[in-house]
């Protein structure tokens, strides 16, 4: 289940192709939050998702003729070790927005909220002038 305090990158209705049976298309309320794609039967906030996809390592792209889908504004989430998931948006602008949001979520790394060690800036060593400072480290 999605954490209520996690930021939403994009949300809205998409059609998602079912993974079994006749591979029919179902309208689902979809949300990209953090690095996960969630899909629901309806748009109510307190629902349990029907499913979710952890997006890192997925490639998100528009469908091509070779995908064998006869669906306008269709796009896919591909992973070398997982099944490909197909979606369809209402129009080209929505399709582009979903592809962009999902692609961004697929490549980002989560920044820890708390770390055991402080983060130190990268130290750069340069030779300084005047000559009395030669050999000392200076901050750029």
C-alpha atoms as a PDB file:
ATOM      1  CA  UNK A   1       0.000   0.000   0.000  1.00  0.00           C
ATOM      2  CA  UNK A   2       1.208   3.495  -0.846  1.00  0.00           C
ATOM      3  CA  UNK A   3       2.435   5.634   2.027  1.00  0.00           C
ATOM      4  CA  UNK A   4       0.081   8.575   2.500  1.00  0.00           C
ATOM      5  CA  UNK A   5       2.959  11.015   2.999  1.00  0.00           C
ATOM      6  CA  UNK A   6       4.778  10.072  -0.215  1.00  0.00           C
ATOM      7  CA  UNK A   7       4.657  12.624  -3.017  1.00  0.00           C
ATOM      8  CA  UNK A   8       2.617  11.841  -6.126  1.00  0.00           C
ATOM      9  CA  UNK A   9       4.377  12.454  -9.463  1.00  0.00           C
ATOM     10  CA  UNK A  10       1.297  11.817 -11.606  1.00  0.00           C
ATOM     11  CA  UNK A  11      -2.142  10.276 -11.178  1.00  0.00           C
ATOM     12  CA  UNK A  12      -5.145   9.635 -13.366  1.00  0.00           C
ATOM     13  CA  UNK A  13      -7.079   7.085 -15.379  1.00  0.00           C
ATOM     14  CA  UNK A  14      -5.284   4.710 -17.735  1.00  0.00           C
ATOM     15  CA  UNK A  15      -6.285   1.521 -19.439  1.00  0.00           C
ATOM     16  CA  UNK A  16      -4.130  -1.425 -18.409  1.00  0.00           C
ATOM     17  CA  UNK A  17      -3.984  -4.681 -20.297  1.00  0.00           C
ATOM     18  CA  UNK A  18      -4.799  -7.659 -18.095  1.00  0.00           C
ATOM     19  CA  UNK A  19      -1.921 -10.111 -17.797  1.00  0.00           C
ATOM     20  CA  UNK A  20      -3.972 -13.292 -18.025  1.00  0.00           C
ATOM     21  CA  UNK A  21      -6.922 -14.714 -19.904  1.00  0.00           C
ATOM     22  CA  UNK A  22      -8.047 -12.772 -22.960  1.00  0.00           C
ATOM     23  CA  UNK A  23      -5.710  -9.885 -22.154  1.00  0.00           C
ATOM     24  CA  UNK A  24      -8.620  -7.467 -22.106  1.00  0.00           C
ATOM     25  CA  UNK A  25      -8.157  -3.800 -21.256  1.00  0.00           C
ATOM     26  CA  UNK A  26      -9.394  -2.466 -17.897  1.00  0.00           C
ATOM     27  CA  UNK A  27      -9.733   1.140 -16.834  1.00  0.00           C
ATOM     28  CA  UNK A  28      -7.646   1.706 -13.700  1.00  0.00           C
ATOM     29  CA  UNK A  29      -6.866   4.680 -11.482  1.00  0.00           C
ATOM     30  CA  UNK A  30      -3.075   4.915 -11.597  1.00  0.00           C
ATOM     31  CA  UNK A  31      -0.583   6.705  -9.374  1.00  0.00           C
ATOM     32  CA  UNK A  32       3.197   7.121  -9.613  1.00  0.00           C
ATOM     33  CA  UNK A  33       4.611   7.848  -6.181  1.00  0.00           C
ATOM     34  CA  UNK A  34       8.247   7.609  -5.144  1.00  0.00           C
ATOM     35  CA  UNK A  35       9.520   4.830  -7.406  1.00  0.00           C
ATOM     36  CA  UNK A  36       6.372   2.790  -7.660  1.00  0.00           C
ATOM     37  CA  UNK A  37       3.415   2.603 -10.045  1.00  0.00           C
ATOM     38  CA  UNK A  38       0.162   1.717  -8.246  1.00  0.00           C
ATOM     39  CA  UNK A  39      -3.132   0.839  -9.900  1.00  0.00           C
ATOM     40  CA  UNK A  40      -6.581   0.770  -8.327  1.00  0.00           C
ATOM     41  CA  UNK A  41     -10.146  -0.104  -9.324  1.00  0.00           C
ATOM     42  CA  UNK A  42     -11.311   3.413  -8.417  1.00  0.00           C
ATOM     43  CA  UNK A  43      -9.962   6.824  -7.461  1.00  0.00           C
ATOM     44  CA  UNK A  44     -10.802   6.686  -3.734  1.00  0.00           C
ATOM     45  CA  UNK A  45      -7.742   7.582  -1.665  1.00  0.00           C
ATOM     46  CA  UNK A  46      -8.112   4.836   0.962  1.00  0.00           C
ATOM     47  CA  UNK A  47      -8.296   1.853  -1.388  1.00  0.00           C
ATOM     48  CA  UNK A  48      -5.879  -1.021  -1.435  1.00  0.00           C
ATOM     49  CA  UNK A  49      -4.148  -1.173  -4.829  1.00  0.00           C
ATOM     50  CA  UNK A  50      -5.066  -3.955  -7.242  1.00  0.00           C
ATOM     51  CA  UNK A  51      -1.350  -4.119  -8.011  1.00  0.00           C
ATOM     52  CA  UNK A  52       1.907  -2.234  -8.142  1.00  0.00           C
ATOM     53  CA  UNK A  53       5.116  -2.134 -10.148  1.00  0.00           C
ATOM     54  CA  UNK A  54       8.454  -1.142  -8.641  1.00  0.00           C
ATOM     55  CA  UNK A  55       9.737   1.018 -11.503  1.00  0.00           C
ATOM     56  CA  UNK A  56      13.547   1.066 -11.128  1.00  0.00           C
ATOM     57  CA  UNK A  57      15.173  -0.905 -13.966  1.00  0.00           C
ATOM     58  CA  UNK A  58      12.032  -0.734 -16.120  1.00  0.00           C
ATOM     59  CA  UNK A  59      12.146   0.949 -19.523  1.00  0.00           C
ATOM     60  CA  UNK A  60       9.050   2.979 -20.355  1.00  0.00           C
ATOM     61  CA  UNK A  61       8.326   3.671 -24.033  1.00  0.00           C
ATOM     62  CA  UNK A  62       5.530   4.066 -26.589  1.00  0.00           C
ATOM     63  CA  UNK A  63       4.304   0.835 -28.146  1.00  0.00           C
ATOM     64  CA  UNK A  64       5.445   0.007 -31.658  1.00  0.00           C
ATOM     65  CA  UNK A  65       3.850  -2.044 -34.425  1.00  0.00           C
ATOM     66  CA  UNK A  66       5.839  -5.129 -33.376  1.00  0.00           C
ATOM     67  CA  UNK A  67       4.062  -5.126 -29.998  1.00  0.00           C
ATOM     68  CA  UNK A  68       0.951  -6.313 -31.823  1.00  0.00           C
ATOM     69  CA  UNK A  69      -1.451  -3.989 -30.028  1.00  0.00           C
ATOM     70  CA  UNK A  70      -4.206  -2.212 -31.879  1.00  0.00           C
ATOM     71  CA  UNK A  71      -4.556   0.519 -29.267  1.00  0.00           C
ATOM     72  CA  UNK A  72      -4.071   4.265 -29.669  1.00  0.00           C
ATOM     73  CA  UNK A  73      -1.774   6.058 -27.236  1.00  0.00           C
ATOM     74  CA  UNK A  74      -0.423   2.769 -25.893  1.00  0.00           C
ATOM     75  CA  UNK A  75       2.862   2.511 -24.034  1.00  0.00           C
ATOM     76  CA  UNK A  76       4.703  -0.181 -22.130  1.00  0.00           C
ATOM     77  CA  UNK A  77       6.853  -0.867 -19.111  1.00  0.00           C
ATOM     78  CA  UNK A  78       9.562  -3.413 -19.995  1.00  0.00           C
ATOM     79  CA  UNK A  79      12.021  -5.216 -17.739  1.00  0.00           C
ATOM     80  CA  UNK A  80      14.450  -7.900 -18.848  1.00  0.00           C
ATOM     81  CA  UNK A  81      13.434 -10.241 -16.003  1.00  0.00           C
ATOM     82  CA  UNK A  82       9.722  -9.416 -15.735  1.00  0.00           C
ATOM     83  CA  UNK A  83       6.699  -9.479 -18.017  1.00  0.00           C
ATOM     84  CA  UNK A  84       5.988  -6.390 -20.101  1.00  0.00           C
ATOM     85  CA  UNK A  85       3.027  -4.343 -18.878  1.00  0.00           C
ATOM     86  CA  UNK A  86       0.913  -2.401 -21.397  1.00  0.00           C
ATOM     87  CA  UNK A  87      -1.061   0.797 -20.792  1.00  0.00           C
ATOM     88  CA  UNK A  88      -3.108   3.200 -22.897  1.00  0.00           C
ATOM     89  CA  UNK A  89      -3.822   6.878 -22.240  1.00  0.00           C
ATOM     90  CA  UNK A  90      -6.689   9.045 -23.499  1.00  0.00           C
ATOM     91  CA  UNK A  91      -4.493  11.176 -25.765  1.00  0.00           C
ATOM     92  CA  UNK A  92      -0.919  11.800 -26.845  1.00  0.00           C
ATOM     93  CA  UNK A  93      -0.239  14.498 -24.232  1.00  0.00           C
ATOM     94  CA  UNK A  94      -1.343  12.218 -21.400  1.00  0.00           C
ATOM     95  CA  UNK A  95       0.697   9.352 -22.822  1.00  0.00           C
ATOM     96  CA  UNK A  96       3.804  11.570 -22.919  1.00  0.00           C
ATOM     97  CA  UNK A  97       3.203  12.777 -19.358  1.00  0.00           C
ATOM     98  CA  UNK A  98       2.910   9.196 -18.059  1.00  0.00           C
ATOM     99  CA  UNK A  99       5.978   8.031 -19.989  1.00  0.00           C
ATOM    100  CA  UNK A 100       8.008  10.955 -18.611  1.00  0.00           C
ATOM    101  CA  UNK A 101       6.879  10.483 -14.993  1.00  0.00           C
ATOM    102  CA  UNK A 102       7.371   6.721 -15.047  1.00  0.00           C
ATOM    103  CA  UNK A 103      10.753   7.006 -16.793  1.00  0.00           C
ATOM    104  CA  UNK A 104      11.973   9.474 -14.192  1.00  0.00           C
ATOM    105  CA  UNK A 105      10.805   7.188 -11.378  1.00  0.00           C
ATOM    106  CA  UNK A 106      12.540   4.233 -13.035  1.00  0.00           C
ATOM    107  CA  UNK A 107      16.015   5.780 -12.895  1.00  0.00           C
ATOM    108  CA  UNK A 108      16.036   7.722  -9.642  1.00  0.00           C
ATOM    109  CA  UNK A 109      17.688   6.395  -6.524  1.00  0.00           C
ATOM    110  CA  UNK A 110      15.998   6.969  -3.200  1.00  0.00           C
ATOM    111  CA  UNK A 111      17.868   9.439  -0.999  1.00  0.00           C
ATOM    112  CA  UNK A 112      17.927   8.186   2.574  1.00  0.00           C
ATOM    113  CA  UNK A 113      16.028  10.420   4.971  1.00  0.00           C
ATOM    114  CA  UNK A 114      18.508   9.684   7.739  1.00  0.00           C
ATOM    115  CA  UNK A 115      22.119   8.634   7.496  1.00  0.00           C
ATOM    116  CA  UNK A 116      24.394   7.234  10.160  1.00  0.00           C
ATOM    117  CA  UNK A 117      27.297   9.329   8.900  1.00  0.00           C
ATOM    118  CA  UNK A 118      27.338  12.956   7.853  1.00  0.00           C
ATOM    119  CA  UNK A 119      27.660  13.643   4.157  1.00  0.00           C
ATOM    120  CA  UNK A 120      30.930  15.408   3.454  1.00  0.00           C
ATOM    121  CA  UNK A 121      31.543  17.636   0.452  1.00  0.00           C
ATOM    122  CA  UNK A 122      34.010  16.480  -2.143  1.00  0.00           C
ATOM    123  CA  UNK A 123      37.470  17.825  -1.298  1.00  0.00           C
ATOM    124  CA  UNK A 124      39.422  19.388  -4.132  1.00  0.00           C
ATOM    125  CA  UNK A 125      43.165  19.884  -3.798  1.00  0.00           C
ATOM    126  CA  UNK A 126      44.616  22.764  -5.772  1.00  0.00           C
ATOM    127  CA  UNK A 127      47.862  24.666  -5.736  1.00  0.00           C
ATOM    128  CA  UNK A 128      47.304  28.112  -4.251  1.00  0.00           C
ATOM    129  CA  UNK A 129      49.072  31.415  -4.594  1.00  0.00           C
ATOM    130  CA  UNK A 130      50.803  33.361  -3.089  1.00  0.00           C
ATOM    131  CA  UNK A 131      53.896  31.162  -2.758  1.00  0.00           C
ATOM    132  CA  UNK A 132      53.536  30.997   1.023  1.00  0.00           C
ATOM    133  CA  UNK A 133      50.434  28.821   0.467  1.00  0.00           C
ATOM    134  CA  UNK A 134      51.927  26.419  -2.100  1.00  0.00           C
ATOM    135  CA  UNK A 135      51.194  22.821  -1.134  1.00  0.00           C
ATOM    136  CA  UNK A 136      48.275  23.618   1.166  1.00  0.00           C
ATOM    137  CA  UNK A 137      44.758  22.559   0.419  1.00  0.00           C
ATOM    138  CA  UNK A 138      42.344  25.270  -0.502  1.00  0.00           C
ATOM    139  CA  UNK A 139      38.628  25.309  -0.978  1.00  0.00           C
ATOM    140  CA  UNK A 140      37.590  26.358  -4.467  1.00  0.00           C
END
